[in-house]
N, C-alpha and C. Protein backbone atom coordinates (compact mmCIF):
# COMPACT_ATOMS: atom_id res chain seq x y z
N ALA A 1 0.83 -1.19 0.00
CA ALA A 1 0.00 0.00 0.00
C ALA A 1 0.87 1.26 0.00
N LYS A 2 1.97 1.22 0.71
CA LYS A 2 2.86 2.38 0.78
C LYS A 2 3.40 2.73 -0.60
N GLN A 3 3.78 1.72 -1.38
CA GLN A 3 4.32 1.97 -2.72
C GLN A 3 3.26 2.56 -3.65
N LEU A 4 2.00 2.14 -3.47
CA LEU A 4 0.91 2.74 -4.24
C LEU A 4 0.73 4.20 -3.86
N GLU A 5 0.71 4.47 -2.57
CA GLU A 5 0.52 5.83 -2.07
C GLU A 5 1.63 6.76 -2.56
N GLN A 6 2.86 6.26 -2.64
CA GLN A 6 4.00 7.08 -3.06
C GLN A 6 4.18 7.12 -4.57
N GLY A 7 3.33 6.43 -5.32
CA GLY A 7 3.40 6.44 -6.77
C GLY A 7 4.52 5.60 -7.35
N GLU A 8 5.09 4.71 -6.55
CA GLU A 8 6.18 3.84 -7.03
C GLU A 8 5.66 2.70 -7.90
N ILE A 9 4.43 2.27 -7.64
CA ILE A 9 3.79 1.23 -8.45
C ILE A 9 2.37 1.69 -8.78
N ASP A 10 1.79 1.12 -9.83
CA ASP A 10 0.45 1.50 -10.26
C ASP A 10 -0.63 0.56 -9.75
N ILE A 11 -0.30 -0.72 -9.64
CA ILE A 11 -1.27 -1.74 -9.22
C ILE A 11 -0.56 -2.69 -8.28
N ALA A 12 -1.28 -3.14 -7.27
CA ALA A 12 -0.75 -4.15 -6.36
C ALA A 12 -1.78 -5.26 -6.22
N PHE A 13 -1.31 -6.45 -5.94
CA PHE A 13 -2.18 -7.58 -5.67
C PHE A 13 -2.03 -7.92 -4.20
N HIS A 14 -3.16 -8.16 -3.55
CA HIS A 14 -3.19 -8.21 -2.09
C HIS A 14 -4.13 -9.32 -1.65
N VAL A 15 -3.80 -10.02 -0.58
CA VAL A 15 -4.64 -11.11 -0.07
C VAL A 15 -5.49 -10.64 1.11
N SER A 16 -6.22 -9.57 0.88
CA SER A 16 -7.10 -9.04 1.91
C SER A 16 -8.28 -8.37 1.22
N ASP A 17 -9.36 -8.18 1.95
CA ASP A 17 -10.49 -7.46 1.38
C ASP A 17 -10.63 -6.07 1.99
N GLU A 18 -9.54 -5.56 2.54
CA GLU A 18 -9.53 -4.22 3.12
C GLU A 18 -8.42 -3.40 2.48
N ALA A 19 -8.68 -2.08 2.35
CA ALA A 19 -7.68 -1.18 1.78
C ALA A 19 -7.80 0.19 2.44
N ALA A 20 -6.72 0.94 2.39
CA ALA A 20 -6.73 2.31 2.90
C ALA A 20 -7.75 3.14 2.12
N PRO A 21 -8.31 4.18 2.72
CA PRO A 21 -9.36 4.97 2.07
C PRO A 21 -8.99 5.55 0.71
N GLU A 22 -7.71 5.90 0.50
CA GLU A 22 -7.30 6.49 -0.78
C GLU A 22 -7.05 5.44 -1.86
N LEU A 23 -7.23 4.17 -1.53
CA LEU A 23 -7.01 3.09 -2.48
C LEU A 23 -8.33 2.47 -2.91
N HIS A 24 -8.37 2.03 -4.15
CA HIS A 24 -9.52 1.29 -4.67
C HIS A 24 -9.16 -0.19 -4.65
N LEU A 25 -10.17 -1.02 -4.46
CA LEU A 25 -9.96 -2.46 -4.34
C LEU A 25 -10.96 -3.19 -5.21
N LYS A 26 -10.49 -4.17 -5.95
CA LYS A 26 -11.35 -5.04 -6.75
C LYS A 26 -11.01 -6.48 -6.39
N LYS A 27 -11.98 -7.22 -5.84
CA LYS A 27 -11.74 -8.63 -5.55
C LYS A 27 -11.64 -9.38 -6.87
N LEU A 28 -10.59 -10.18 -7.00
CA LEU A 28 -10.36 -10.93 -8.23
C LEU A 28 -10.85 -12.37 -8.14
N PHE A 29 -10.53 -13.04 -7.04
CA PHE A 29 -10.98 -14.42 -6.89
C PHE A 29 -10.78 -14.88 -5.46
N SER A 30 -11.50 -15.95 -5.14
CA SER A 30 -11.30 -16.66 -3.87
C SER A 30 -10.45 -17.88 -4.18
N GLU A 31 -9.55 -18.20 -3.29
CA GLU A 31 -8.66 -19.35 -3.51
C GLU A 31 -8.71 -20.27 -2.31
N ARG A 32 -8.55 -21.55 -2.59
CA ARG A 32 -8.48 -22.54 -1.51
C ARG A 32 -7.19 -23.33 -1.66
N TYR A 33 -6.83 -24.02 -0.60
CA TYR A 33 -5.59 -24.80 -0.58
C TYR A 33 -5.87 -26.29 -0.77
N VAL A 34 -4.94 -26.96 -1.44
CA VAL A 34 -4.97 -28.42 -1.59
C VAL A 34 -3.61 -28.96 -1.16
N LEU A 35 -3.58 -30.24 -0.84
CA LEU A 35 -2.33 -30.90 -0.48
C LEU A 35 -1.68 -31.44 -1.75
N ALA A 36 -0.48 -30.99 -2.04
CA ALA A 36 0.20 -31.36 -3.29
C ALA A 36 1.51 -32.07 -3.02
N GLY A 37 1.87 -32.92 -3.98
CA GLY A 37 3.14 -33.63 -3.96
C GLY A 37 3.47 -34.07 -5.37
N ARG A 38 4.57 -34.77 -5.52
CA ARG A 38 4.99 -35.21 -6.85
C ARG A 38 3.98 -36.19 -7.44
N ARG A 39 4.00 -36.30 -8.74
CA ARG A 39 3.18 -37.32 -9.42
C ARG A 39 3.52 -38.69 -8.86
N LYS A 40 2.53 -39.51 -8.66
CA LYS A 40 2.67 -40.87 -8.13
C LYS A 40 3.23 -40.89 -6.71
N HIS A 41 2.99 -39.83 -5.96
CA HIS A 41 3.41 -39.80 -4.56
C HIS A 41 2.66 -40.92 -3.84
N PRO A 42 3.35 -41.79 -3.09
CA PRO A 42 2.69 -42.96 -2.49
C PRO A 42 1.57 -42.63 -1.50
N GLN A 43 1.62 -41.49 -0.85
CA GLN A 43 0.58 -41.16 0.13
C GLN A 43 -0.55 -40.31 -0.45
N LEU A 44 -0.46 -39.89 -1.69
CA LEU A 44 -1.48 -39.01 -2.25
C LEU A 44 -2.42 -39.72 -3.22
N SER A 45 -2.51 -41.03 -3.11
CA SER A 45 -3.39 -41.78 -4.00
C SER A 45 -4.81 -41.89 -3.45
N GLN A 46 -4.99 -41.54 -2.19
CA GLN A 46 -6.33 -41.61 -1.58
C GLN A 46 -6.43 -40.55 -0.48
N ALA A 47 -7.65 -40.35 0.00
CA ALA A 47 -7.88 -39.38 1.07
C ALA A 47 -7.09 -39.77 2.31
N LEU A 48 -6.62 -38.76 3.03
CA LEU A 48 -5.83 -38.99 4.24
C LEU A 48 -6.63 -38.65 5.49
N THR A 49 -6.30 -39.31 6.58
CA THR A 49 -6.84 -38.91 7.87
C THR A 49 -6.00 -37.73 8.37
N PRO A 50 -6.50 -36.97 9.34
CA PRO A 50 -5.66 -35.90 9.89
C PRO A 50 -4.32 -36.41 10.43
N ALA A 51 -4.31 -37.59 11.06
CA ALA A 51 -3.05 -38.13 11.59
C ALA A 51 -2.08 -38.46 10.46
N GLN A 52 -2.57 -39.06 9.37
CA GLN A 52 -1.70 -39.37 8.23
C GLN A 52 -1.15 -38.08 7.61
N PHE A 53 -1.99 -37.08 7.51
CA PHE A 53 -1.59 -35.77 6.99
C PHE A 53 -0.43 -35.21 7.83
N CYS A 54 -0.58 -35.26 9.13
CA CYS A 54 0.44 -34.71 10.04
C CYS A 54 1.75 -35.49 10.00
N ASP A 55 1.68 -36.78 9.69
CA ASP A 55 2.89 -37.62 9.63
C ASP A 55 3.74 -37.36 8.39
N LEU A 56 3.16 -36.77 7.36
CA LEU A 56 3.93 -36.46 6.15
C LEU A 56 4.93 -35.35 6.43
N GLU A 57 5.99 -35.29 5.63
CA GLU A 57 6.97 -34.21 5.75
C GLU A 57 6.56 -33.07 4.83
N HIS A 58 6.32 -31.90 5.45
CA HIS A 58 5.75 -30.75 4.74
C HIS A 58 6.77 -29.66 4.46
N VAL A 59 6.53 -28.97 3.34
CA VAL A 59 7.22 -27.72 3.01
C VAL A 59 6.22 -26.60 3.30
N ILE A 60 6.69 -25.51 3.89
CA ILE A 60 5.83 -24.36 4.13
C ILE A 60 6.39 -23.16 3.39
N VAL A 61 5.50 -22.30 2.92
CA VAL A 61 5.91 -21.06 2.26
C VAL A 61 5.87 -19.95 3.29
N SER A 62 7.00 -19.27 3.45
CA SER A 62 7.12 -18.16 4.39
C SER A 62 7.81 -17.00 3.67
N PRO A 63 7.01 -16.06 3.10
CA PRO A 63 7.61 -14.96 2.34
C PRO A 63 8.64 -14.15 3.13
N SER A 64 8.46 -14.05 4.43
CA SER A 64 9.43 -13.29 5.23
C SER A 64 10.66 -14.13 5.55
N GLY A 65 10.58 -15.43 5.28
CA GLY A 65 11.73 -16.32 5.46
C GLY A 65 11.78 -17.00 6.81
N GLY A 66 11.99 -18.30 6.78
CA GLY A 66 12.23 -19.05 8.00
C GLY A 66 11.04 -19.41 8.83
N GLY A 67 9.83 -19.02 8.43
CA GLY A 67 8.65 -19.35 9.22
C GLY A 67 8.29 -20.82 9.10
N PHE A 68 7.85 -21.42 10.17
CA PHE A 68 7.46 -22.82 10.15
C PHE A 68 6.03 -23.02 10.64
N CYS A 69 5.24 -21.96 10.62
CA CYS A 69 3.85 -22.04 11.07
C CYS A 69 3.00 -21.16 10.15
N GLY A 70 1.87 -21.70 9.72
CA GLY A 70 0.99 -20.95 8.83
C GLY A 70 -0.46 -21.24 9.14
N VAL A 71 -1.34 -20.88 8.20
CA VAL A 71 -2.78 -21.05 8.40
C VAL A 71 -3.15 -22.52 8.60
N THR A 72 -2.44 -23.42 7.94
CA THR A 72 -2.69 -24.85 8.13
C THR A 72 -2.37 -25.27 9.55
N ASP A 73 -1.26 -24.77 10.08
CA ASP A 73 -0.86 -25.12 11.44
C ASP A 73 -1.84 -24.56 12.48
N GLU A 74 -2.40 -23.40 12.19
CA GLU A 74 -3.40 -22.83 13.09
C GLU A 74 -4.65 -23.71 13.13
N ALA A 75 -5.09 -24.20 11.97
CA ALA A 75 -6.25 -25.09 11.91
C ALA A 75 -5.96 -26.41 12.63
N LEU A 76 -4.77 -26.94 12.44
CA LEU A 76 -4.39 -28.18 13.12
C LEU A 76 -4.33 -27.98 14.63
N ALA A 77 -3.80 -26.86 15.08
CA ALA A 77 -3.68 -26.59 16.52
C ALA A 77 -5.05 -26.58 17.19
N GLN A 78 -6.06 -26.08 16.48
CA GLN A 78 -7.41 -26.07 17.05
C GLN A 78 -7.93 -27.48 17.27
N ALA A 79 -7.41 -28.43 16.51
CA ALA A 79 -7.80 -29.84 16.67
C ALA A 79 -6.79 -30.59 17.54
N GLY A 80 -5.82 -29.88 18.10
CA GLY A 80 -4.81 -30.52 18.94
C GLY A 80 -3.77 -31.30 18.16
N LEU A 81 -3.55 -30.92 16.89
CA LEU A 81 -2.62 -31.65 16.03
C LEU A 81 -1.46 -30.75 15.60
N THR A 82 -0.36 -31.39 15.21
CA THR A 82 0.82 -30.69 14.71
C THR A 82 1.37 -31.47 13.52
N ARG A 83 1.71 -30.77 12.45
CA ARG A 83 2.30 -31.46 11.30
C ARG A 83 3.82 -31.34 11.33
N ARG A 84 4.48 -32.15 10.52
CA ARG A 84 5.95 -32.17 10.45
C ARG A 84 6.41 -31.24 9.31
N VAL A 85 6.76 -30.02 9.66
CA VAL A 85 7.29 -29.08 8.67
C VAL A 85 8.81 -29.20 8.68
N VAL A 86 9.37 -29.61 7.54
CA VAL A 86 10.82 -29.87 7.47
C VAL A 86 11.58 -28.85 6.63
N LEU A 87 10.84 -28.02 5.89
CA LEU A 87 11.49 -27.05 5.02
C LEU A 87 10.61 -25.81 4.88
N SER A 88 11.24 -24.65 4.92
CA SER A 88 10.56 -23.38 4.71
C SER A 88 11.18 -22.70 3.50
N VAL A 89 10.35 -22.28 2.54
CA VAL A 89 10.83 -21.58 1.34
C VAL A 89 10.11 -20.24 1.23
N PRO A 90 10.72 -19.27 0.51
CA PRO A 90 10.14 -17.93 0.48
C PRO A 90 8.98 -17.72 -0.49
N HIS A 91 8.74 -18.64 -1.42
CA HIS A 91 7.70 -18.40 -2.42
C HIS A 91 7.13 -19.72 -2.93
N PHE A 92 5.86 -19.68 -3.34
CA PHE A 92 5.21 -20.88 -3.84
C PHE A 92 5.91 -21.46 -5.07
N LEU A 93 6.52 -20.64 -5.89
CA LEU A 93 7.16 -21.16 -7.10
C LEU A 93 8.36 -22.04 -6.79
N PHE A 94 9.03 -21.82 -5.66
CA PHE A 94 10.13 -22.70 -5.25
C PHE A 94 9.61 -24.08 -4.85
N VAL A 95 8.42 -24.11 -4.32
CA VAL A 95 7.85 -25.37 -3.81
C VAL A 95 7.71 -26.39 -4.93
N LYS A 96 7.30 -25.94 -6.11
CA LYS A 96 7.05 -26.87 -7.20
C LYS A 96 8.24 -27.77 -7.50
N SER A 97 9.43 -27.19 -7.62
CA SER A 97 10.60 -28.01 -7.95
C SER A 97 11.00 -28.91 -6.78
N VAL A 98 10.82 -28.44 -5.56
CA VAL A 98 11.11 -29.27 -4.39
C VAL A 98 10.18 -30.48 -4.36
N LEU A 99 8.88 -30.23 -4.54
CA LEU A 99 7.92 -31.33 -4.48
C LEU A 99 8.12 -32.33 -5.62
N ALA A 100 8.42 -31.83 -6.80
CA ALA A 100 8.55 -32.70 -7.97
C ALA A 100 9.68 -33.71 -7.84
N SER A 101 10.67 -33.41 -7.01
CA SER A 101 11.84 -34.29 -6.93
C SER A 101 12.02 -34.95 -5.56
N THR A 102 11.02 -34.86 -4.69
CA THR A 102 11.12 -35.46 -3.36
C THR A 102 9.78 -36.07 -2.97
N ASP A 103 9.72 -36.66 -1.78
CA ASP A 103 8.45 -37.13 -1.22
C ASP A 103 7.84 -36.11 -0.25
N LEU A 104 8.35 -34.88 -0.26
CA LEU A 104 7.76 -33.84 0.57
C LEU A 104 6.42 -33.42 -0.03
N VAL A 105 5.56 -32.85 0.81
CA VAL A 105 4.25 -32.36 0.38
C VAL A 105 4.11 -30.91 0.84
N ALA A 106 3.13 -30.22 0.27
CA ALA A 106 2.88 -28.83 0.67
C ALA A 106 1.42 -28.48 0.41
N MET A 107 0.92 -27.56 1.18
CA MET A 107 -0.38 -26.98 0.93
C MET A 107 -0.18 -25.87 -0.10
N LEU A 108 -0.81 -26.04 -1.27
CA LEU A 108 -0.67 -25.08 -2.36
C LEU A 108 -2.02 -24.49 -2.74
N PRO A 109 -2.03 -23.27 -3.27
CA PRO A 109 -3.27 -22.75 -3.84
C PRO A 109 -3.70 -23.67 -4.98
N LEU A 110 -5.00 -23.91 -5.08
CA LEU A 110 -5.52 -24.82 -6.10
C LEU A 110 -5.07 -24.42 -7.50
N ARG A 111 -5.12 -23.14 -7.83
CA ARG A 111 -4.72 -22.70 -9.18
C ARG A 111 -3.27 -23.09 -9.49
N LEU A 112 -2.39 -22.98 -8.53
CA LEU A 112 -0.99 -23.36 -8.75
C LEU A 112 -0.87 -24.87 -8.92
N ALA A 113 -1.60 -25.63 -8.13
CA ALA A 113 -1.55 -27.09 -8.24
C ALA A 113 -2.05 -27.55 -9.61
N ILE A 114 -3.14 -26.96 -10.08
CA ILE A 114 -3.69 -27.33 -11.39
C ILE A 114 -2.71 -26.99 -12.50
N ALA A 115 -2.01 -25.88 -12.37
CA ALA A 115 -1.07 -25.43 -13.41
C ALA A 115 0.29 -26.11 -13.32
N SER A 116 0.42 -27.10 -12.48
CA SER A 116 1.70 -27.78 -12.27
C SER A 116 1.58 -29.26 -12.64
N PRO A 117 1.78 -29.60 -13.91
CA PRO A 117 1.58 -30.99 -14.34
C PRO A 117 2.52 -31.98 -13.67
N GLU A 118 3.63 -31.50 -13.11
CA GLU A 118 4.55 -32.40 -12.42
C GLU A 118 4.06 -32.78 -11.03
N LEU A 119 2.94 -32.19 -10.60
CA LEU A 119 2.40 -32.46 -9.26
C LEU A 119 1.03 -33.09 -9.33
N GLN A 120 0.65 -33.76 -8.26
CA GLN A 120 -0.72 -34.21 -8.08
C GLN A 120 -1.20 -33.63 -6.76
N TYR A 121 -2.50 -33.59 -6.57
CA TYR A 121 -3.03 -32.99 -5.35
C TYR A 121 -4.31 -33.69 -4.92
N ILE A 122 -4.59 -33.57 -3.62
CA ILE A 122 -5.82 -34.08 -3.03
C ILE A 122 -6.33 -33.03 -2.04
N GLU A 123 -7.56 -33.22 -1.62
CA GLU A 123 -8.12 -32.32 -0.61
C GLU A 123 -7.47 -32.61 0.74
N PRO A 124 -7.22 -31.58 1.54
CA PRO A 124 -6.70 -31.84 2.89
C PRO A 124 -7.78 -32.51 3.74
N PRO A 125 -7.39 -33.22 4.79
CA PRO A 125 -8.37 -33.97 5.58
C PRO A 125 -9.19 -33.10 6.54
N MET A 126 -8.91 -31.80 6.59
CA MET A 126 -9.69 -30.90 7.44
C MET A 126 -9.80 -29.56 6.72
N PRO A 127 -10.82 -28.77 7.06
CA PRO A 127 -10.95 -27.46 6.40
C PRO A 127 -9.78 -26.54 6.73
N ILE A 128 -9.23 -25.92 5.70
CA ILE A 128 -8.15 -24.95 5.84
C ILE A 128 -8.63 -23.65 5.20
N ALA A 129 -8.51 -22.55 5.93
CA ALA A 129 -8.97 -21.26 5.42
C ALA A 129 -8.21 -20.89 4.15
N GLY A 130 -8.94 -20.44 3.15
CA GLY A 130 -8.34 -19.94 1.92
C GLY A 130 -8.12 -18.44 2.02
N TYR A 131 -8.15 -17.78 0.88
CA TYR A 131 -7.94 -16.33 0.88
C TYR A 131 -8.62 -15.69 -0.32
N GLU A 132 -8.79 -14.38 -0.23
CA GLU A 132 -9.33 -13.56 -1.31
C GLU A 132 -8.16 -12.80 -1.94
N MET A 133 -8.02 -12.90 -3.26
CA MET A 133 -6.99 -12.12 -3.96
C MET A 133 -7.66 -10.87 -4.53
N SER A 134 -7.09 -9.72 -4.22
CA SER A 134 -7.65 -8.45 -4.67
C SER A 134 -6.59 -7.65 -5.41
N MET A 135 -7.09 -6.74 -6.24
CA MET A 135 -6.23 -5.80 -6.96
C MET A 135 -6.46 -4.42 -6.33
N LEU A 136 -5.38 -3.70 -6.07
CA LEU A 136 -5.45 -2.37 -5.46
C LEU A 136 -4.83 -1.34 -6.40
N TRP A 137 -5.38 -0.13 -6.39
CA TRP A 137 -4.78 0.99 -7.10
C TRP A 137 -5.16 2.28 -6.39
N HIS A 138 -4.39 3.32 -6.65
CA HIS A 138 -4.55 4.60 -5.96
C HIS A 138 -5.62 5.45 -6.65
N GLU A 139 -6.24 6.31 -5.89
CA GLU A 139 -7.26 7.23 -6.41
C GLU A 139 -6.75 8.06 -7.58
N ARG A 140 -5.48 8.47 -7.56
CA ARG A 140 -4.96 9.34 -8.63
C ARG A 140 -4.98 8.63 -10.00
N SER A 141 -5.00 7.30 -10.01
CA SER A 141 -5.02 6.54 -11.27
C SER A 141 -6.42 6.07 -11.64
N HIS A 142 -7.38 6.28 -10.76
CA HIS A 142 -8.70 5.66 -10.91
C HIS A 142 -9.39 6.01 -12.23
N ARG A 143 -9.28 7.24 -12.68
CA ARG A 143 -9.99 7.67 -13.89
C ARG A 143 -9.10 7.72 -15.13
N ASP A 144 -7.87 7.35 -15.00
CA ASP A 144 -6.95 7.34 -16.14
C ASP A 144 -7.37 6.25 -17.12
N PRO A 145 -7.62 6.59 -18.41
CA PRO A 145 -8.10 5.59 -19.36
C PRO A 145 -7.14 4.40 -19.56
N ALA A 146 -5.85 4.66 -19.62
CA ALA A 146 -4.89 3.56 -19.80
C ALA A 146 -4.87 2.66 -18.57
N HIS A 147 -4.94 3.26 -17.42
CA HIS A 147 -4.96 2.48 -16.17
C HIS A 147 -6.24 1.65 -16.09
N ARG A 148 -7.36 2.27 -16.46
CA ARG A 148 -8.64 1.54 -16.45
C ARG A 148 -8.58 0.36 -17.43
N TRP A 149 -7.97 0.58 -18.61
CA TRP A 149 -7.83 -0.51 -19.58
C TRP A 149 -7.02 -1.65 -18.97
N LEU A 150 -5.91 -1.32 -18.32
CA LEU A 150 -5.07 -2.36 -17.71
C LEU A 150 -5.83 -3.13 -16.64
N ARG A 151 -6.56 -2.41 -15.79
CA ARG A 151 -7.34 -3.09 -14.74
C ARG A 151 -8.38 -4.01 -15.36
N ASP A 152 -9.09 -3.52 -16.38
CA ASP A 152 -10.10 -4.35 -17.06
C ASP A 152 -9.46 -5.58 -17.71
N PHE A 153 -8.28 -5.40 -18.30
CA PHE A 153 -7.56 -6.51 -18.92
C PHE A 153 -7.19 -7.56 -17.87
N ILE A 154 -6.70 -7.11 -16.73
CA ILE A 154 -6.33 -8.04 -15.65
C ILE A 154 -7.55 -8.82 -15.19
N VAL A 155 -8.67 -8.13 -14.98
CA VAL A 155 -9.90 -8.80 -14.55
C VAL A 155 -10.33 -9.83 -15.59
N GLU A 156 -10.26 -9.46 -16.87
CA GLU A 156 -10.63 -10.38 -17.95
C GLU A 156 -9.74 -11.63 -17.95
N GLN A 157 -8.45 -11.45 -17.77
CA GLN A 157 -7.52 -12.58 -17.75
C GLN A 157 -7.76 -13.49 -16.54
N VAL A 158 -8.03 -12.88 -15.40
CA VAL A 158 -8.31 -13.67 -14.19
C VAL A 158 -9.60 -14.47 -14.37
N GLN A 159 -10.62 -13.86 -14.96
CA GLN A 159 -11.87 -14.58 -15.20
C GLN A 159 -11.68 -15.72 -16.19
N SER A 160 -10.87 -15.49 -17.21
CA SER A 160 -10.56 -16.54 -18.18
C SER A 160 -9.82 -17.69 -17.51
N ALA A 161 -8.85 -17.37 -16.67
CA ALA A 161 -8.10 -18.40 -15.94
C ALA A 161 -9.01 -19.16 -14.98
N ALA A 162 -9.99 -18.47 -14.40
CA ALA A 162 -10.92 -19.13 -13.48
C ALA A 162 -11.75 -20.18 -14.21
N LEU A 163 -12.13 -19.90 -15.45
CA LEU A 163 -12.88 -20.88 -16.24
C LEU A 163 -12.03 -22.12 -16.51
N ILE A 164 -10.77 -21.91 -16.86
CA ILE A 164 -9.86 -23.04 -17.10
C ILE A 164 -9.68 -23.84 -15.82
N THR A 165 -9.52 -23.15 -14.70
CA THR A 165 -9.37 -23.83 -13.41
C THR A 165 -10.60 -24.68 -13.11
N ALA A 166 -11.78 -24.11 -13.32
CA ALA A 166 -13.02 -24.83 -13.04
C ALA A 166 -13.15 -26.07 -13.93
N GLN A 167 -12.72 -25.96 -15.18
CA GLN A 167 -12.80 -27.10 -16.10
C GLN A 167 -11.83 -28.21 -15.72
N ASN A 168 -10.73 -27.87 -15.08
CA ASN A 168 -9.71 -28.86 -14.73
C ASN A 168 -9.90 -29.50 -13.37
N GLN A 169 -10.90 -29.10 -12.64
CA GLN A 169 -11.11 -29.66 -11.30
C GLN A 169 -11.76 -31.01 -11.38
């Protein structure tokens, strides 16, 4: 938000449905998480119990680096469970190559799992909170025709990708 306010960037993507008053927000999509691993992963051929899920070795995404607890761990803690997180990486794109070449698993956004042919995925054994992806822009750009075109183009592309995602589920 600070970079938008200072004019350093024109558009930001944000995982919240709240924005500062001088910013405009457009919800793009809702996303949910699935449990992903390499193709033919021995434990991902059928639904897992919560205990089986926790026994797997997990990769977690921590953008700030080094975090070993996330939304999945919060949901597990409410049920008195803990999973085995053995690796923390800074971005979801790193996870794909790690999963494809090991027996590690990770909770991935469904869209990323679908777009990763080297991976397979199943539903987690308990509900895990997803997120809303939104687009933000500053008031000073709101009426600019080129900026409006770009925002409309982004929305169109996201809607097109959502149709492909729905067809592949």
